[in-house]
Amino acid sequence: MRKFGLFAICIVISFALVAIVFAAGKSNVGHLYLYEKDSTWQIVDGGAWGKMTYNLAGPTFDFVFNGHKLEAGVSYSLIYYPDPWPGTGSVLIATGTANNGGNINLSGSVDLGMDLPIPSDANYPTGAKIWLVLSDDYNAGVWEAWTPAEYLFENNLITYDDTDD
């Protein structure tokens, strides 16, 4: 009887540990790295880069983006870019200027009014592309110029569930 009691206690502890591990795995936070890429879409070794932390679901898209090795004093825009070109349905997430050290910090809670990616995105339902582009090149969803050597491109696709739309 004593062996059975010890066995039962071990089973209960095992189930409790499994429950804790699975609960910890249900984070609502995503991480995305963006990189400077060359003309063959390979990451430029030692090039500019950034990291975005964001919520996977919620009524607003809450994010923090930190970019590094950018051109100082230049205005950049963080955007959602749906394929194919020219990115019809793209969304401006935030805009800011790189400091004297070439760093930028963007953060906010944006009511996108939609999930990412949108159904017309060629990457739907796999995920959405997030880019950091020159603000002078992108104006309210319209491309004024295309200078990809100055942009940061996603390393992976993301998804976001807008819970109130």
C-alpha atoms as a PDB file:
ATOM      1  CA  MET A   1       0.000   0.000   0.000  1.00  0.00           C
ATOM      2  CA  ARG A   2       2.858   2.347   0.769  1.00  0.00           C
ATOM      3  CA  LYS A   3       4.328   1.859  -2.751  1.00  0.00           C
ATOM      4  CA  PHE A   4       0.965   2.737  -4.285  1.00  0.00           C
ATOM      5  CA  GLY A   5       0.744   5.943  -2.254  1.00  0.00           C
ATOM      6  CA  LEU A   6       4.239   6.990  -3.335  1.00  0.00           C
ATOM      7  CA  PHE A   7       3.385   6.150  -6.953  1.00  0.00           C
ATOM      8  CA  ALA A   8       0.176   8.228  -6.767  1.00  0.00           C
ATOM      9  CA  ILE A   9       2.082  11.213  -5.345  1.00  0.00           C
ATOM     10  CA  CYS A  10       4.645  10.974  -8.186  1.00  0.00           C
ATOM     11  CA  ILE A  11       1.851  10.923 -10.781  1.00  0.00           C
ATOM     12  CA  VAL A  12       0.171  13.994  -9.250  1.00  0.00           C
ATOM     13  CA  ILE A  13       3.463  15.918  -9.169  1.00  0.00           C
ATOM     14  CA  SER A  14       4.192  14.933 -12.794  1.00  0.00           C
ATOM     15  CA  PHE A  15       0.805  16.212 -13.974  1.00  0.00           C
ATOM     16  CA  ALA A  16       1.307  19.459 -12.039  1.00  0.00           C
ATOM     17  CA  LEU A  17       4.717  20.009 -13.670  1.00  0.00           C
ATOM     18  CA  VAL A  18       3.304  19.323 -17.146  1.00  0.00           C
ATOM     19  CA  ALA A  19       0.484  21.821 -16.506  1.00  0.00           C
ATOM     20  CA  ILE A  20       3.001  24.473 -15.424  1.00  0.00           C
ATOM     21  CA  VAL A  21       5.148  23.925 -18.521  1.00  0.00           C
ATOM     22  CA  PHE A  22       2.173  24.165 -20.879  1.00  0.00           C
ATOM     23  CA  ALA A  23       0.778  27.257 -19.132  1.00  0.00           C
ATOM     24  CA  ALA A  24       4.166  28.978 -19.419  1.00  0.00           C
ATOM     25  CA  GLY A  25       4.240  28.165 -23.142  1.00  0.00           C
ATOM     26  CA  LYS A  26       1.087  30.186 -23.848  1.00  0.00           C
ATOM     27  CA  SER A  27       2.747  33.582 -23.926  1.00  0.00           C
ATOM     28  CA  ASN A  28       1.047  36.400 -25.821  1.00  0.00           C
ATOM     29  CA  VAL A  29       4.417  37.914 -26.782  1.00  0.00           C
ATOM     30  CA  GLY A  30       6.147  37.483 -30.125  1.00  0.00           C
ATOM     31  CA  HIS A  31       9.646  38.443 -31.223  1.00  0.00           C
ATOM     32  CA  LEU A  32      10.753  39.402 -34.721  1.00  0.00           C
ATOM     33  CA  TYR A  33      14.210  40.263 -36.018  1.00  0.00           C
ATOM     34  CA  LEU A  34      14.617  42.528 -39.044  1.00  0.00           C
ATOM     35  CA  TYR A  35      17.848  42.720 -41.023  1.00  0.00           C
ATOM     36  CA  GLU A  36      19.554  44.641 -43.766  1.00  0.00           C
ATOM     37  CA  LYS A  37      19.590  42.320 -46.794  1.00  0.00           C
ATOM     38  CA  ASP A  38      21.533  42.271 -50.049  1.00  0.00           C
ATOM     39  CA  SER A  39      20.110  42.055 -53.589  1.00  0.00           C
ATOM     40  CA  THR A  40      19.790  38.255 -53.248  1.00  0.00           C
ATOM     41  CA  TRP A  41      17.785  38.677 -50.000  1.00  0.00           C
ATOM     42  CA  GLN A  42      20.631  37.367 -47.841  1.00  0.00           C
ATOM     43  CA  ILE A  43      21.298  39.027 -44.494  1.00  0.00           C
ATOM     44  CA  VAL A  44      24.210  41.487 -44.692  1.00  0.00           C
ATOM     45  CA  ASP A  45      26.842  40.332 -42.201  1.00  0.00           C
ATOM     46  CA  GLY A  46      27.434  43.162 -39.704  1.00  0.00           C
ATOM     47  CA  GLY A  47      24.656  45.228 -41.281  1.00  0.00           C
ATOM     48  CA  ALA A  48      21.811  47.175 -39.759  1.00  0.00           C
ATOM     49  CA  TRP A  49      19.262  45.211 -37.763  1.00  0.00           C
ATOM     50  CA  GLY A  50      16.381  45.514 -35.349  1.00  0.00           C
ATOM     51  CA  LYS A  51      14.163  43.558 -32.991  1.00  0.00           C
ATOM     52  CA  MET A  52      10.449  43.948 -32.468  1.00  0.00           C
ATOM     53  CA  THR A  53       8.581  42.562 -29.478  1.00  0.00           C
ATOM     54  CA  TYR A  54       4.807  42.536 -29.964  1.00  0.00           C
ATOM     55  CA  ASN A  55       1.569  41.023 -28.696  1.00  0.00           C
ATOM     56  CA  LEU A  56       0.216  38.099 -30.708  1.00  0.00           C
ATOM     57  CA  ALA A  57      -3.402  39.004 -29.965  1.00  0.00           C
ATOM     58  CA  GLY A  58      -5.349  41.874 -28.473  1.00  0.00           C
ATOM     59  CA  PRO A  59      -7.571  44.845 -29.300  1.00  0.00           C
ATOM     60  CA  THR A  60      -4.459  46.886 -30.187  1.00  0.00           C
ATOM     61  CA  PHE A  61      -1.138  45.909 -31.731  1.00  0.00           C
ATOM     62  CA  ASP A  62       1.252  46.649 -28.851  1.00  0.00           C
ATOM     63  CA  PHE A  63       4.903  46.683 -29.861  1.00  0.00           C
ATOM     64  CA  VAL A  64       8.416  47.865 -29.119  1.00  0.00           C
ATOM     65  CA  PHE A  65      10.960  48.070 -31.940  1.00  0.00           C
ATOM     66  CA  ASN A  66      14.642  48.850 -31.509  1.00  0.00           C
ATOM     67  CA  GLY A  67      16.789  49.327 -34.616  1.00  0.00           C
ATOM     68  CA  HIS A  68      20.579  49.584 -34.777  1.00  0.00           C
ATOM     69  CA  LYS A  69      23.301  50.653 -37.235  1.00  0.00           C
ATOM     70  CA  LEU A  70      20.879  52.883 -39.139  1.00  0.00           C
ATOM     71  CA  GLU A  71      21.710  56.200 -40.771  1.00  0.00           C
ATOM     72  CA  ALA A  72      21.680  58.919 -38.106  1.00  0.00           C
ATOM     73  CA  GLY A  73      19.100  61.679 -38.511  1.00  0.00           C
ATOM     74  CA  VAL A  74      17.034  59.752 -41.061  1.00  0.00           C
ATOM     75  CA  SER A  75      13.291  59.186 -40.620  1.00  0.00           C
ATOM     76  CA  TYR A  76      12.129  55.561 -40.804  1.00  0.00           C
ATOM     77  CA  SER A  77       8.690  53.955 -40.930  1.00  0.00           C
ATOM     78  CA  LEU A  78       7.746  50.572 -39.523  1.00  0.00           C
ATOM     79  CA  ILE A  79       5.156  49.024 -41.839  1.00  0.00           C
ATOM     80  CA  TYR A  80       3.158  45.895 -42.543  1.00  0.00           C
ATOM     81  CA  TYR A  81       3.796  44.932 -46.170  1.00  0.00           C
ATOM     82  CA  PRO A  82       1.367  42.478 -47.841  1.00  0.00           C
ATOM     83  CA  ASP A  83       2.534  40.689 -50.987  1.00  0.00           C
ATOM     84  CA  PRO A  84       2.436  41.076 -53.949  1.00  0.00           C
ATOM     85  CA  TRP A  85       4.001  44.348 -55.077  1.00  0.00           C
ATOM     86  CA  PRO A  86       3.056  47.158 -54.581  1.00  0.00           C
ATOM     87  CA  GLY A  87       1.757  46.014 -51.187  1.00  0.00           C
ATOM     88  CA  THR A  88      -1.897  47.009 -51.503  1.00  0.00           C
ATOM     89  CA  GLY A  89      -3.321  47.121 -47.994  1.00  0.00           C
ATOM     90  CA  SER A  90      -0.004  47.992 -46.337  1.00  0.00           C
ATOM     91  CA  VAL A  91      -0.195  49.770 -42.994  1.00  0.00           C
ATOM     92  CA  LEU A  92       2.009  52.356 -41.315  1.00  0.00           C
ATOM     93  CA  ILE A  93       2.669  51.169 -37.753  1.00  0.00           C
ATOM     94  CA  ALA A  94       5.062  53.874 -36.521  1.00  0.00           C
ATOM     95  CA  THR A  95       7.542  56.518 -37.648  1.00  0.00           C
ATOM     96  CA  GLY A  96      10.653  57.885 -35.980  1.00  0.00           C
ATOM     97  CA  THR A  97      14.153  59.245 -36.559  1.00  0.00           C
ATOM     98  CA  ALA A  98      17.422  57.438 -35.894  1.00  0.00           C
ATOM     99  CA  ASN A  99      19.548  59.163 -33.262  1.00  0.00           C
ATOM    100  CA  ASN A 100      23.194  60.226 -33.632  1.00  0.00           C
ATOM    101  CA  GLY A 101      24.291  56.675 -32.798  1.00  0.00           C
ATOM    102  CA  GLY A 102      22.156  55.221 -35.602  1.00  0.00           C
ATOM    103  CA  ASN A 103      19.618  53.730 -33.196  1.00  0.00           C
ATOM    104  CA  ILE A 104      15.848  54.069 -33.236  1.00  0.00           C
ATOM    105  CA  ASN A 105      13.202  53.177 -30.678  1.00  0.00           C
ATOM    106  CA  LEU A 106       9.586  52.924 -31.741  1.00  0.00           C
ATOM    107  CA  SER A 107       6.761  51.748 -29.504  1.00  0.00           C
ATOM    108  CA  GLY A 108       3.041  52.023 -29.229  1.00  0.00           C
ATOM    109  CA  SER A 109      -0.435  50.546 -29.173  1.00  0.00           C
ATOM    110  CA  VAL A 110      -1.924  50.776 -32.639  1.00  0.00           C
ATOM    111  CA  ASP A 111      -5.523  49.948 -33.513  1.00  0.00           C
ATOM    112  CA  LEU A 112      -4.857  48.213 -36.827  1.00  0.00           C
ATOM    113  CA  GLY A 113      -8.516  47.301 -37.288  1.00  0.00           C
ATOM    114  CA  MET A 114      -7.518  43.955 -38.826  1.00  0.00           C
ATOM    115  CA  ASP A 115      -5.641  40.723 -38.321  1.00  0.00           C
ATOM    116  CA  LEU A 116      -2.179  40.192 -39.792  1.00  0.00           C
ATOM    117  CA  PRO A 117      -1.848  39.002 -42.445  1.00  0.00           C
ATOM    118  CA  ILE A 118      -4.912  40.208 -44.345  1.00  0.00           C
ATOM    119  CA  PRO A 119      -6.703  37.662 -46.591  1.00  0.00           C
ATOM    120  CA  SER A 120      -5.495  39.348 -49.817  1.00  0.00           C
ATOM    121  CA  ASP A 121      -1.836  38.972 -48.731  1.00  0.00           C
ATOM    122  CA  ALA A 122      -0.070  36.292 -50.809  1.00  0.00           C
ATOM    123  CA  ASN A 123       1.431  35.051 -47.524  1.00  0.00           C
ATOM    124  CA  TYR A 124      -2.014  34.495 -45.966  1.00  0.00           C
ATOM    125  CA  PRO A 125      -2.559  32.638 -43.653  1.00  0.00           C
ATOM    126  CA  THR A 126       1.113  31.845 -42.960  1.00  0.00           C
ATOM    127  CA  GLY A 127       2.135  35.301 -41.788  1.00  0.00           C
ATOM    128  CA  ALA A 128       2.787  38.976 -42.390  1.00  0.00           C
ATOM    129  CA  LYS A 129       5.933  40.872 -43.408  1.00  0.00           C
ATOM    130  CA  ILE A 130       7.059  43.733 -41.179  1.00  0.00           C
ATOM    131  CA  TRP A 131       9.620  46.136 -42.678  1.00  0.00           C
ATOM    132  CA  LEU A 132      11.483  49.253 -41.565  1.00  0.00           C
ATOM    133  CA  VAL A 133      11.684  51.582 -44.580  1.00  0.00           C
ATOM    134  CA  LEU A 134      12.731  55.147 -45.301  1.00  0.00           C
ATOM    135  CA  SER A 135       9.815  57.423 -44.483  1.00  0.00           C
ATOM    136  CA  ASP A 136      10.565  59.426 -47.650  1.00  0.00           C
ATOM    137  CA  ASP A 137      10.007  56.273 -49.729  1.00  0.00           C
ATOM    138  CA  TYR A 138       6.639  55.308 -48.221  1.00  0.00           C
ATOM    139  CA  ASN A 139       3.722  57.743 -47.990  1.00  0.00           C
ATOM    140  CA  ALA A 140       0.312  56.598 -46.705  1.00  0.00           C
ATOM    141  CA  GLY A 141       0.565  53.194 -48.361  1.00  0.00           C
ATOM    142  CA  VAL A 142       2.069  54.509 -51.602  1.00  0.00           C
ATOM    143  CA  TRP A 143       5.686  53.869 -52.591  1.00  0.00           C
ATOM    144  CA  GLU A 144       7.384  57.110 -53.634  1.00  0.00           C
ATOM    145  CA  ALA A 145      10.740  55.353 -54.193  1.00  0.00           C
ATOM    146  CA  TRP A 146      12.317  51.924 -53.695  1.00  0.00           C
ATOM    147  CA  THR A 147      15.738  51.868 -51.988  1.00  0.00           C
ATOM    148  CA  PRO A 148      15.874  48.410 -50.367  1.00  0.00           C
ATOM    149  CA  ALA A 149      19.563  48.723 -49.422  1.00  0.00           C
ATOM    150  CA  GLU A 150      18.355  51.228 -46.785  1.00  0.00           C
ATOM    151  CA  TYR A 151      15.572  49.021 -45.360  1.00  0.00           C
ATOM    152  CA  LEU A 152      15.321  46.300 -42.763  1.00  0.00           C
ATOM    153  CA  PHE A 153      13.379  43.210 -43.805  1.00  0.00           C
ATOM    154  CA  GLU A 154      11.750  40.472 -41.765  1.00  0.00           C
ATOM    155  CA  ASN A 155      13.612  37.311 -40.889  1.00  0.00           C
ATOM    156  CA  ASN A 156      10.302  35.502 -40.277  1.00  0.00           C
ATOM    157  CA  LEU A 157       6.630  36.172 -40.854  1.00  0.00           C
ATOM    158  CA  ILE A 158       4.333  37.114 -37.965  1.00  0.00           C
ATOM    159  CA  THR A 159       0.658  36.715 -37.165  1.00  0.00           C
ATOM    160  CA  TYR A 160      -1.528  39.007 -35.085  1.00  0.00           C
ATOM    161  CA  ASP A 161      -5.141  38.427 -34.040  1.00  0.00           C
ATOM    162  CA  ASP A 162      -7.082  41.674 -33.633  1.00  0.00           C
ATOM    163  CA  THR A 163      -9.544  40.548 -30.959  1.00  0.00           C
ATOM    164  CA  ASP A 164     -12.068  43.393 -31.346  1.00  0.00           C
ATOM    165  CA  ASP A 165     -12.473  43.364 -35.150  1.00  0.00           C
END
